[in-house]
């Protein structure tokens, strides 16, 4: 399975069509929050409309710059991961919104035994290379790190900390912060069985 991972779009839809060739080769698009810049439902629909043009499943969660309408619109389109794990091509996708991840709201636990699992959140795991702000301040979520340590997803995709674009590892979990798509940053993730490789790109 090949994933196109985006975070922190912040309503910048004009460059989404530039991903057409990349999207053709992927099986799904994952969105790690901040699709809008404090916009309403019409703004998130504009972002999703541009991504839906690629004809691929779009799975995601809201971020701190998104209203609650973002998760509602995602759910209406079949790609909302909050309280709604999705299984695609044998891979389980689980996600938390920005607010929920801070409170460690988890989906029902029997589902979490299914592997491989992809975790999609806006906040990154605390104490990692993908949550560093100003190179020295860890600004991630302790609850997300605990979830990763407890359930060991194959991949954890996050955003939020624009300067912390990169990858890291917590136990067997590959952490990926694709960087802000509003600056043209994205990631490709290649999953084969119980292994995953991520590459970072910029338009």
C-alpha atoms as a PDB file:
ATOM      1  CA  UNK A   1       0.000   0.000   0.000  1.00  0.00           C
ATOM      2  CA  UNK A   2       1.193   3.482  -0.860  1.00  0.00           C
ATOM      3  CA  UNK A   3      -0.002   6.546   1.043  1.00  0.00           C
ATOM      4  CA  UNK A   4       0.188  10.238   0.261  1.00  0.00           C
ATOM      5  CA  UNK A   5       0.461  12.034   3.615  1.00  0.00           C
ATOM      6  CA  UNK A   6      -0.461  15.701   4.003  1.00  0.00           C
ATOM      7  CA  UNK A   7      -0.680  18.009   7.005  1.00  0.00           C
ATOM      8  CA  UNK A   8      -1.226  21.700   7.643  1.00  0.00           C
ATOM      9  CA  UNK A   9      -2.832  22.604   4.328  1.00  0.00           C
ATOM     10  CA  UNK A  10      -4.353  25.704   5.962  1.00  0.00           C
ATOM     11  CA  UNK A  11      -6.757  26.246   3.077  1.00  0.00           C
ATOM     12  CA  UNK A  12      -4.060  26.419   0.395  1.00  0.00           C
ATOM     13  CA  UNK A  13      -5.843  24.537  -2.375  1.00  0.00           C
ATOM     14  CA  UNK A  14      -4.206  26.058  -5.461  1.00  0.00           C
ATOM     15  CA  UNK A  15      -1.220  23.717  -5.368  1.00  0.00           C
ATOM     16  CA  UNK A  16      -3.203  20.522  -4.683  1.00  0.00           C
ATOM     17  CA  UNK A  17      -3.550  19.787  -8.450  1.00  0.00           C
ATOM     18  CA  UNK A  18       0.261  19.641  -8.610  1.00  0.00           C
ATOM     19  CA  UNK A  19       0.016  16.360  -6.689  1.00  0.00           C
ATOM     20  CA  UNK A  20      -1.866  14.636  -9.517  1.00  0.00           C
ATOM     21  CA  UNK A  21       1.034  12.406 -10.622  1.00  0.00           C
ATOM     22  CA  UNK A  22       1.857  11.457  -7.030  1.00  0.00           C
ATOM     23  CA  UNK A  23      -1.777  10.709  -6.215  1.00  0.00           C
ATOM     24  CA  UNK A  24      -2.109   8.451  -9.260  1.00  0.00           C
ATOM     25  CA  UNK A  25       0.438   6.100  -7.734  1.00  0.00           C
ATOM     26  CA  UNK A  26      -1.039   6.026  -4.209  1.00  0.00           C
ATOM     27  CA  UNK A  27      -3.814   3.917  -2.666  1.00  0.00           C
ATOM     28  CA  UNK A  28      -5.074   6.534  -0.198  1.00  0.00           C
ATOM     29  CA  UNK A  29      -4.504  10.081   1.025  1.00  0.00           C
ATOM     30  CA  UNK A  30      -4.143  10.739   4.754  1.00  0.00           C
ATOM     31  CA  UNK A  31      -4.687  14.187   6.257  1.00  0.00           C
ATOM     32  CA  UNK A  32      -3.109  15.001   9.600  1.00  0.00           C
ATOM     33  CA  UNK A  33      -5.153  18.069  10.472  1.00  0.00           C
ATOM     34  CA  UNK A  34      -5.271  21.817   9.883  1.00  0.00           C
ATOM     35  CA  UNK A  35      -6.970  21.529   6.524  1.00  0.00           C
ATOM     36  CA  UNK A  36      -8.351  25.033   7.062  1.00  0.00           C
ATOM     37  CA  UNK A  37      -7.081  28.232   8.621  1.00  0.00           C
ATOM     38  CA  UNK A  38      -9.927  28.681  11.099  1.00  0.00           C
ATOM     39  CA  UNK A  39     -12.336  28.282   8.190  1.00  0.00           C
ATOM     40  CA  UNK A  40     -15.862  26.923   8.108  1.00  0.00           C
ATOM     41  CA  UNK A  41     -17.386  23.871   6.456  1.00  0.00           C
ATOM     42  CA  UNK A  42     -17.230  25.473   3.009  1.00  0.00           C
ATOM     43  CA  UNK A  43     -13.443  25.801   3.295  1.00  0.00           C
ATOM     44  CA  UNK A  44     -12.922  22.160   4.241  1.00  0.00           C
ATOM     45  CA  UNK A  45     -15.261  21.106   1.422  1.00  0.00           C
ATOM     46  CA  UNK A  46     -13.099  23.120  -0.967  1.00  0.00           C
ATOM     47  CA  UNK A  47      -9.973  21.304   0.236  1.00  0.00           C
ATOM     48  CA  UNK A  48     -11.633  17.892   0.075  1.00  0.00           C
ATOM     49  CA  UNK A  49     -13.119  18.606  -3.351  1.00  0.00           C
ATOM     50  CA  UNK A  50      -9.623  19.274  -4.716  1.00  0.00           C
ATOM     51  CA  UNK A  51      -8.315  16.042  -3.173  1.00  0.00           C
ATOM     52  CA  UNK A  52     -11.357  13.969  -4.172  1.00  0.00           C
ATOM     53  CA  UNK A  53     -10.624  14.855  -7.786  1.00  0.00           C
ATOM     54  CA  UNK A  54      -7.808  12.291  -7.619  1.00  0.00           C
ATOM     55  CA  UNK A  55     -10.324   9.489  -7.091  1.00  0.00           C
ATOM     56  CA  UNK A  56      -8.571   8.061  -4.029  1.00  0.00           C
ATOM     57  CA  UNK A  57      -9.884   7.429  -0.498  1.00  0.00           C
ATOM     58  CA  UNK A  58      -9.245  10.470   1.712  1.00  0.00           C
ATOM     59  CA  UNK A  59      -8.869   9.701   5.428  1.00  0.00           C
ATOM     60  CA  UNK A  60      -8.157  12.288   8.087  1.00  0.00           C
ATOM     61  CA  UNK A  61      -8.672  14.204  11.299  1.00  0.00           C
ATOM     62  CA  UNK A  62      -9.028  17.841  12.303  1.00  0.00           C
ATOM     63  CA  UNK A  63      -6.308  20.060  13.758  1.00  0.00           C
ATOM     64  CA  UNK A  64      -6.193  23.019  16.111  1.00  0.00           C
ATOM     65  CA  UNK A  65      -6.908  25.471  13.277  1.00  0.00           C
ATOM     66  CA  UNK A  66      -9.977  23.472  12.206  1.00  0.00           C
ATOM     67  CA  UNK A  67     -13.488  23.745  13.567  1.00  0.00           C
ATOM     68  CA  UNK A  68     -15.489  20.700  14.639  1.00  0.00           C
ATOM     69  CA  UNK A  69     -17.160  20.911  11.229  1.00  0.00           C
ATOM     70  CA  UNK A  70     -14.023  19.437   9.665  1.00  0.00           C
ATOM     71  CA  UNK A  71     -14.474  16.054  11.341  1.00  0.00           C
ATOM     72  CA  UNK A  72     -18.193  16.151  10.519  1.00  0.00           C
ATOM     73  CA  UNK A  73     -17.552  16.781   6.822  1.00  0.00           C
ATOM     74  CA  UNK A  74     -14.870  14.078   6.720  1.00  0.00           C
ATOM     75  CA  UNK A  75     -17.301  11.653   8.342  1.00  0.00           C
ATOM     76  CA  UNK A  76     -20.016  12.525   5.848  1.00  0.00           C
ATOM     77  CA  UNK A  77     -17.613  11.694   3.026  1.00  0.00           C
ATOM     78  CA  UNK A  78     -16.594   8.392   4.601  1.00  0.00           C
ATOM     79  CA  UNK A  79     -13.081   9.409   5.573  1.00  0.00           C
ATOM     80  CA  UNK A  80     -13.434  10.710   9.123  1.00  0.00           C
ATOM     81  CA  UNK A  81     -11.243   8.679  11.469  1.00  0.00           C
ATOM     82  CA  UNK A  82     -12.386  10.217  14.767  1.00  0.00           C
ATOM     83  CA  UNK A  83     -14.269   7.476  16.684  1.00  0.00           C
ATOM     84  CA  UNK A  84     -14.471   5.645  13.360  1.00  0.00           C
ATOM     85  CA  UNK A  85     -11.524   3.385  12.463  1.00  0.00           C
ATOM     86  CA  UNK A  86     -11.422   2.501   8.772  1.00  0.00           C
ATOM     87  CA  UNK A  87     -10.001  -0.681   7.263  1.00  0.00           C
ATOM     88  CA  UNK A  88      -8.597  -0.329   3.749  1.00  0.00           C
ATOM     89  CA  UNK A  89      -6.786  -3.059   1.833  1.00  0.00           C
ATOM     90  CA  UNK A  90      -6.198  -4.945   5.072  1.00  0.00           C
ATOM     91  CA  UNK A  91      -4.717  -1.914   6.869  1.00  0.00           C
ATOM     92  CA  UNK A  92      -6.506  -0.355   9.875  1.00  0.00           C
ATOM     93  CA  UNK A  93      -6.533   3.467  10.041  1.00  0.00           C
ATOM     94  CA  UNK A  94      -7.209   5.073  13.445  1.00  0.00           C
ATOM     95  CA  UNK A  95      -7.254   8.779  14.219  1.00  0.00           C
ATOM     96  CA  UNK A  96      -7.800  11.420  16.895  1.00  0.00           C
ATOM     97  CA  UNK A  97      -8.791  15.040  16.433  1.00  0.00           C
ATOM     98  CA  UNK A  98      -6.592  17.681  18.026  1.00  0.00           C
ATOM     99  CA  UNK A  99      -8.911  18.072  21.041  1.00  0.00           C
ATOM    100  CA  UNK A 100      -9.541  14.355  21.474  1.00  0.00           C
ATOM    101  CA  UNK A 101      -5.879  13.392  21.264  1.00  0.00           C
ATOM    102  CA  UNK A 102      -5.091  15.745  24.139  1.00  0.00           C
ATOM    103  CA  UNK A 103      -7.641  13.876  26.260  1.00  0.00           C
ATOM    104  CA  UNK A 104      -6.509  10.443  25.050  1.00  0.00           C
ATOM    105  CA  UNK A 105      -9.933   9.435  23.754  1.00  0.00           C
ATOM    106  CA  UNK A 106      -9.478   5.972  22.273  1.00  0.00           C
ATOM    107  CA  UNK A 107     -11.572   3.850  19.944  1.00  0.00           C
ATOM    108  CA  UNK A 108     -12.737   0.520  21.337  1.00  0.00           C
ATOM    109  CA  UNK A 109      -9.777  -1.614  22.305  1.00  0.00           C
ATOM    110  CA  UNK A 110     -10.537  -4.907  20.480  1.00  0.00           C
ATOM    111  CA  UNK A 111     -10.150  -3.076  17.172  1.00  0.00           C
ATOM    112  CA  UNK A 112      -6.702  -1.902  18.221  1.00  0.00           C
ATOM    113  CA  UNK A 113      -5.354  -5.451  18.223  1.00  0.00           C
ATOM    114  CA  UNK A 114      -5.656  -5.518  14.429  1.00  0.00           C
ATOM    115  CA  UNK A 115      -2.437  -5.045  12.514  1.00  0.00           C
ATOM    116  CA  UNK A 116      -1.040  -3.365  10.565  1.00  0.00           C
ATOM    117  CA  UNK A 117      -2.383  -0.103  11.981  1.00  0.00           C
ATOM    118  CA  UNK A 118      -1.812   3.475  10.822  1.00  0.00           C
ATOM    119  CA  UNK A 119      -2.360   6.232  13.399  1.00  0.00           C
ATOM    120  CA  UNK A 120      -3.306   9.682  12.084  1.00  0.00           C
ATOM    121  CA  UNK A 121      -3.266  12.653  14.471  1.00  0.00           C
ATOM    122  CA  UNK A 122      -2.556  16.349  14.275  1.00  0.00           C
ATOM    123  CA  UNK A 123      -0.310  16.472  17.314  1.00  0.00           C
ATOM    124  CA  UNK A 124       2.902  14.450  17.173  1.00  0.00           C
ATOM    125  CA  UNK A 125       4.162  12.158  19.919  1.00  0.00           C
ATOM    126  CA  UNK A 126       5.992  13.950  22.686  1.00  0.00           C
ATOM    127  CA  UNK A 127       9.783  13.726  23.005  1.00  0.00           C
ATOM    128  CA  UNK A 128      10.589  12.907  19.393  1.00  0.00           C
ATOM    129  CA  UNK A 129      12.238  14.508  16.390  1.00  0.00           C
ATOM    130  CA  UNK A 130       8.822  15.305  14.898  1.00  0.00           C
ATOM    131  CA  UNK A 131       7.606  17.456  17.814  1.00  0.00           C
ATOM    132  CA  UNK A 132      10.587  19.786  18.197  1.00  0.00           C
ATOM    133  CA  UNK A 133       9.914  23.506  18.067  1.00  0.00           C
ATOM    134  CA  UNK A 134      12.888  25.853  17.822  1.00  0.00           C
ATOM    135  CA  UNK A 135      15.104  22.726  17.804  1.00  0.00           C
ATOM    136  CA  UNK A 136      14.953  22.304  21.574  1.00  0.00           C
ATOM    137  CA  UNK A 137      11.330  22.494  22.795  1.00  0.00           C
ATOM    138  CA  UNK A 138       9.209  19.345  22.681  1.00  0.00           C
ATOM    139  CA  UNK A 139       5.613  20.380  21.973  1.00  0.00           C
ATOM    140  CA  UNK A 140       3.949  17.038  21.280  1.00  0.00           C
ATOM    141  CA  UNK A 141       1.355  14.984  23.100  1.00  0.00           C
ATOM    142  CA  UNK A 142       2.207  12.589  25.933  1.00  0.00           C
ATOM    143  CA  UNK A 143      -1.099  10.751  25.427  1.00  0.00           C
ATOM    144  CA  UNK A 144      -0.283  10.083  21.776  1.00  0.00           C
ATOM    145  CA  UNK A 145       3.144   8.793  22.730  1.00  0.00           C
ATOM    146  CA  UNK A 146       1.531   6.500  25.305  1.00  0.00           C
ATOM    147  CA  UNK A 147      -0.936   5.248  22.708  1.00  0.00           C
ATOM    148  CA  UNK A 148       1.942   4.454  20.341  1.00  0.00           C
ATOM    149  CA  UNK A 149       3.912   2.649  23.036  1.00  0.00           C
ATOM    150  CA  UNK A 150       0.839   0.649  24.102  1.00  0.00           C
ATOM    151  CA  UNK A 151      -0.541  -0.275  20.676  1.00  0.00           C
ATOM    152  CA  UNK A 152       2.502  -0.067  18.383  1.00  0.00           C
ATOM    153  CA  UNK A 153       0.958   1.090  15.112  1.00  0.00           C
ATOM    154  CA  UNK A 154       3.143   0.505  12.090  1.00  0.00           C
ATOM    155  CA  UNK A 155       3.102   4.221  11.211  1.00  0.00           C
ATOM    156  CA  UNK A 156       2.028   7.388  13.048  1.00  0.00           C
ATOM    157  CA  UNK A 157       1.382  10.399  10.805  1.00  0.00           C
ATOM    158  CA  UNK A 158       1.146  13.840  12.401  1.00  0.00           C
ATOM    159  CA  UNK A 159       1.701  17.529  11.666  1.00  0.00           C
ATOM    160  CA  UNK A 160       1.212  20.648  13.816  1.00  0.00           C
ATOM    161  CA  UNK A 161       4.894  21.488  14.396  1.00  0.00           C
ATOM    162  CA  UNK A 162       5.805  22.923  11.008  1.00  0.00           C
ATOM    163  CA  UNK A 163       9.514  23.148  11.758  1.00  0.00           C
ATOM    164  CA  UNK A 164       9.716  19.492  12.810  1.00  0.00           C
ATOM    165  CA  UNK A 165       9.225  18.033   9.336  1.00  0.00           C
ATOM    166  CA  UNK A 166      10.891  14.643   9.327  1.00  0.00           C
ATOM    167  CA  UNK A 167      10.748  11.084  10.582  1.00  0.00           C
ATOM    168  CA  UNK A 168      11.588   9.269  13.797  1.00  0.00           C
ATOM    169  CA  UNK A 169      10.955   5.973  15.539  1.00  0.00           C
ATOM    170  CA  UNK A 170       9.225   4.999  18.788  1.00  0.00           C
ATOM    171  CA  UNK A 171       9.763   1.289  19.374  1.00  0.00           C
ATOM    172  CA  UNK A 172       8.588  -0.335  16.146  1.00  0.00           C
ATOM    173  CA  UNK A 173       6.472   2.646  15.034  1.00  0.00           C
ATOM    174  CA  UNK A 174       7.633   4.911  12.220  1.00  0.00           C
ATOM    175  CA  UNK A 175       6.741   8.551  12.953  1.00  0.00           C
ATOM    176  CA  UNK A 176       6.152  10.845   9.986  1.00  0.00           C
ATOM    177  CA  UNK A 177       5.635  14.610   9.978  1.00  0.00           C
ATOM    178  CA  UNK A 178       5.320  15.504   6.280  1.00  0.00           C
ATOM    179  CA  UNK A 179       5.682  19.225   6.993  1.00  0.00           C
ATOM    180  CA  UNK A 180       3.209  21.964   6.075  1.00  0.00           C
ATOM    181  CA  UNK A 181       1.572  21.467   2.704  1.00  0.00           C
ATOM    182  CA  UNK A 182       0.885  25.193   2.600  1.00  0.00           C
ATOM    183  CA  UNK A 183       4.645  25.352   1.873  1.00  0.00           C
ATOM    184  CA  UNK A 184       4.421  22.476  -0.612  1.00  0.00           C
ATOM    185  CA  UNK A 185       5.639  19.732   1.751  1.00  0.00           C
ATOM    186  CA  UNK A 186       4.272  16.192   1.724  1.00  0.00           C
ATOM    187  CA  UNK A 187       5.330  12.595   2.324  1.00  0.00           C
ATOM    188  CA  UNK A 188       5.020   9.300   0.530  1.00  0.00           C
ATOM    189  CA  UNK A 189       4.700   6.183   2.684  1.00  0.00           C
ATOM    190  CA  UNK A 190       5.229   2.710   1.240  1.00  0.00           C
ATOM    191  CA  UNK A 191       3.804  -0.167   3.299  1.00  0.00           C
ATOM    192  CA  UNK A 192       4.722  -3.761   2.589  1.00  0.00           C
ATOM    193  CA  UNK A 193       3.506  -6.265   5.157  1.00  0.00           C
ATOM    194  CA  UNK A 194       4.888  -5.228   8.520  1.00  0.00           C
ATOM    195  CA  UNK A 195       7.432  -2.747   7.167  1.00  0.00           C
ATOM    196  CA  UNK A 196       7.003   0.904   6.210  1.00  0.00           C
ATOM    197  CA  UNK A 197       9.295   3.420   4.518  1.00  0.00           C
ATOM    198  CA  UNK A 198       8.607   7.150   4.302  1.00  0.00           C
ATOM    199  CA  UNK A 199      10.115   9.732   1.985  1.00  0.00           C
ATOM    200  CA  UNK A 200       9.691  13.487   2.312  1.00  0.00           C
ATOM    201  CA  UNK A 201       9.089  15.714  -0.713  1.00  0.00           C
ATOM    202  CA  UNK A 202       8.415  19.324  -1.575  1.00  0.00           C
ATOM    203  CA  UNK A 203       6.697  20.742  -4.638  1.00  0.00           C
END
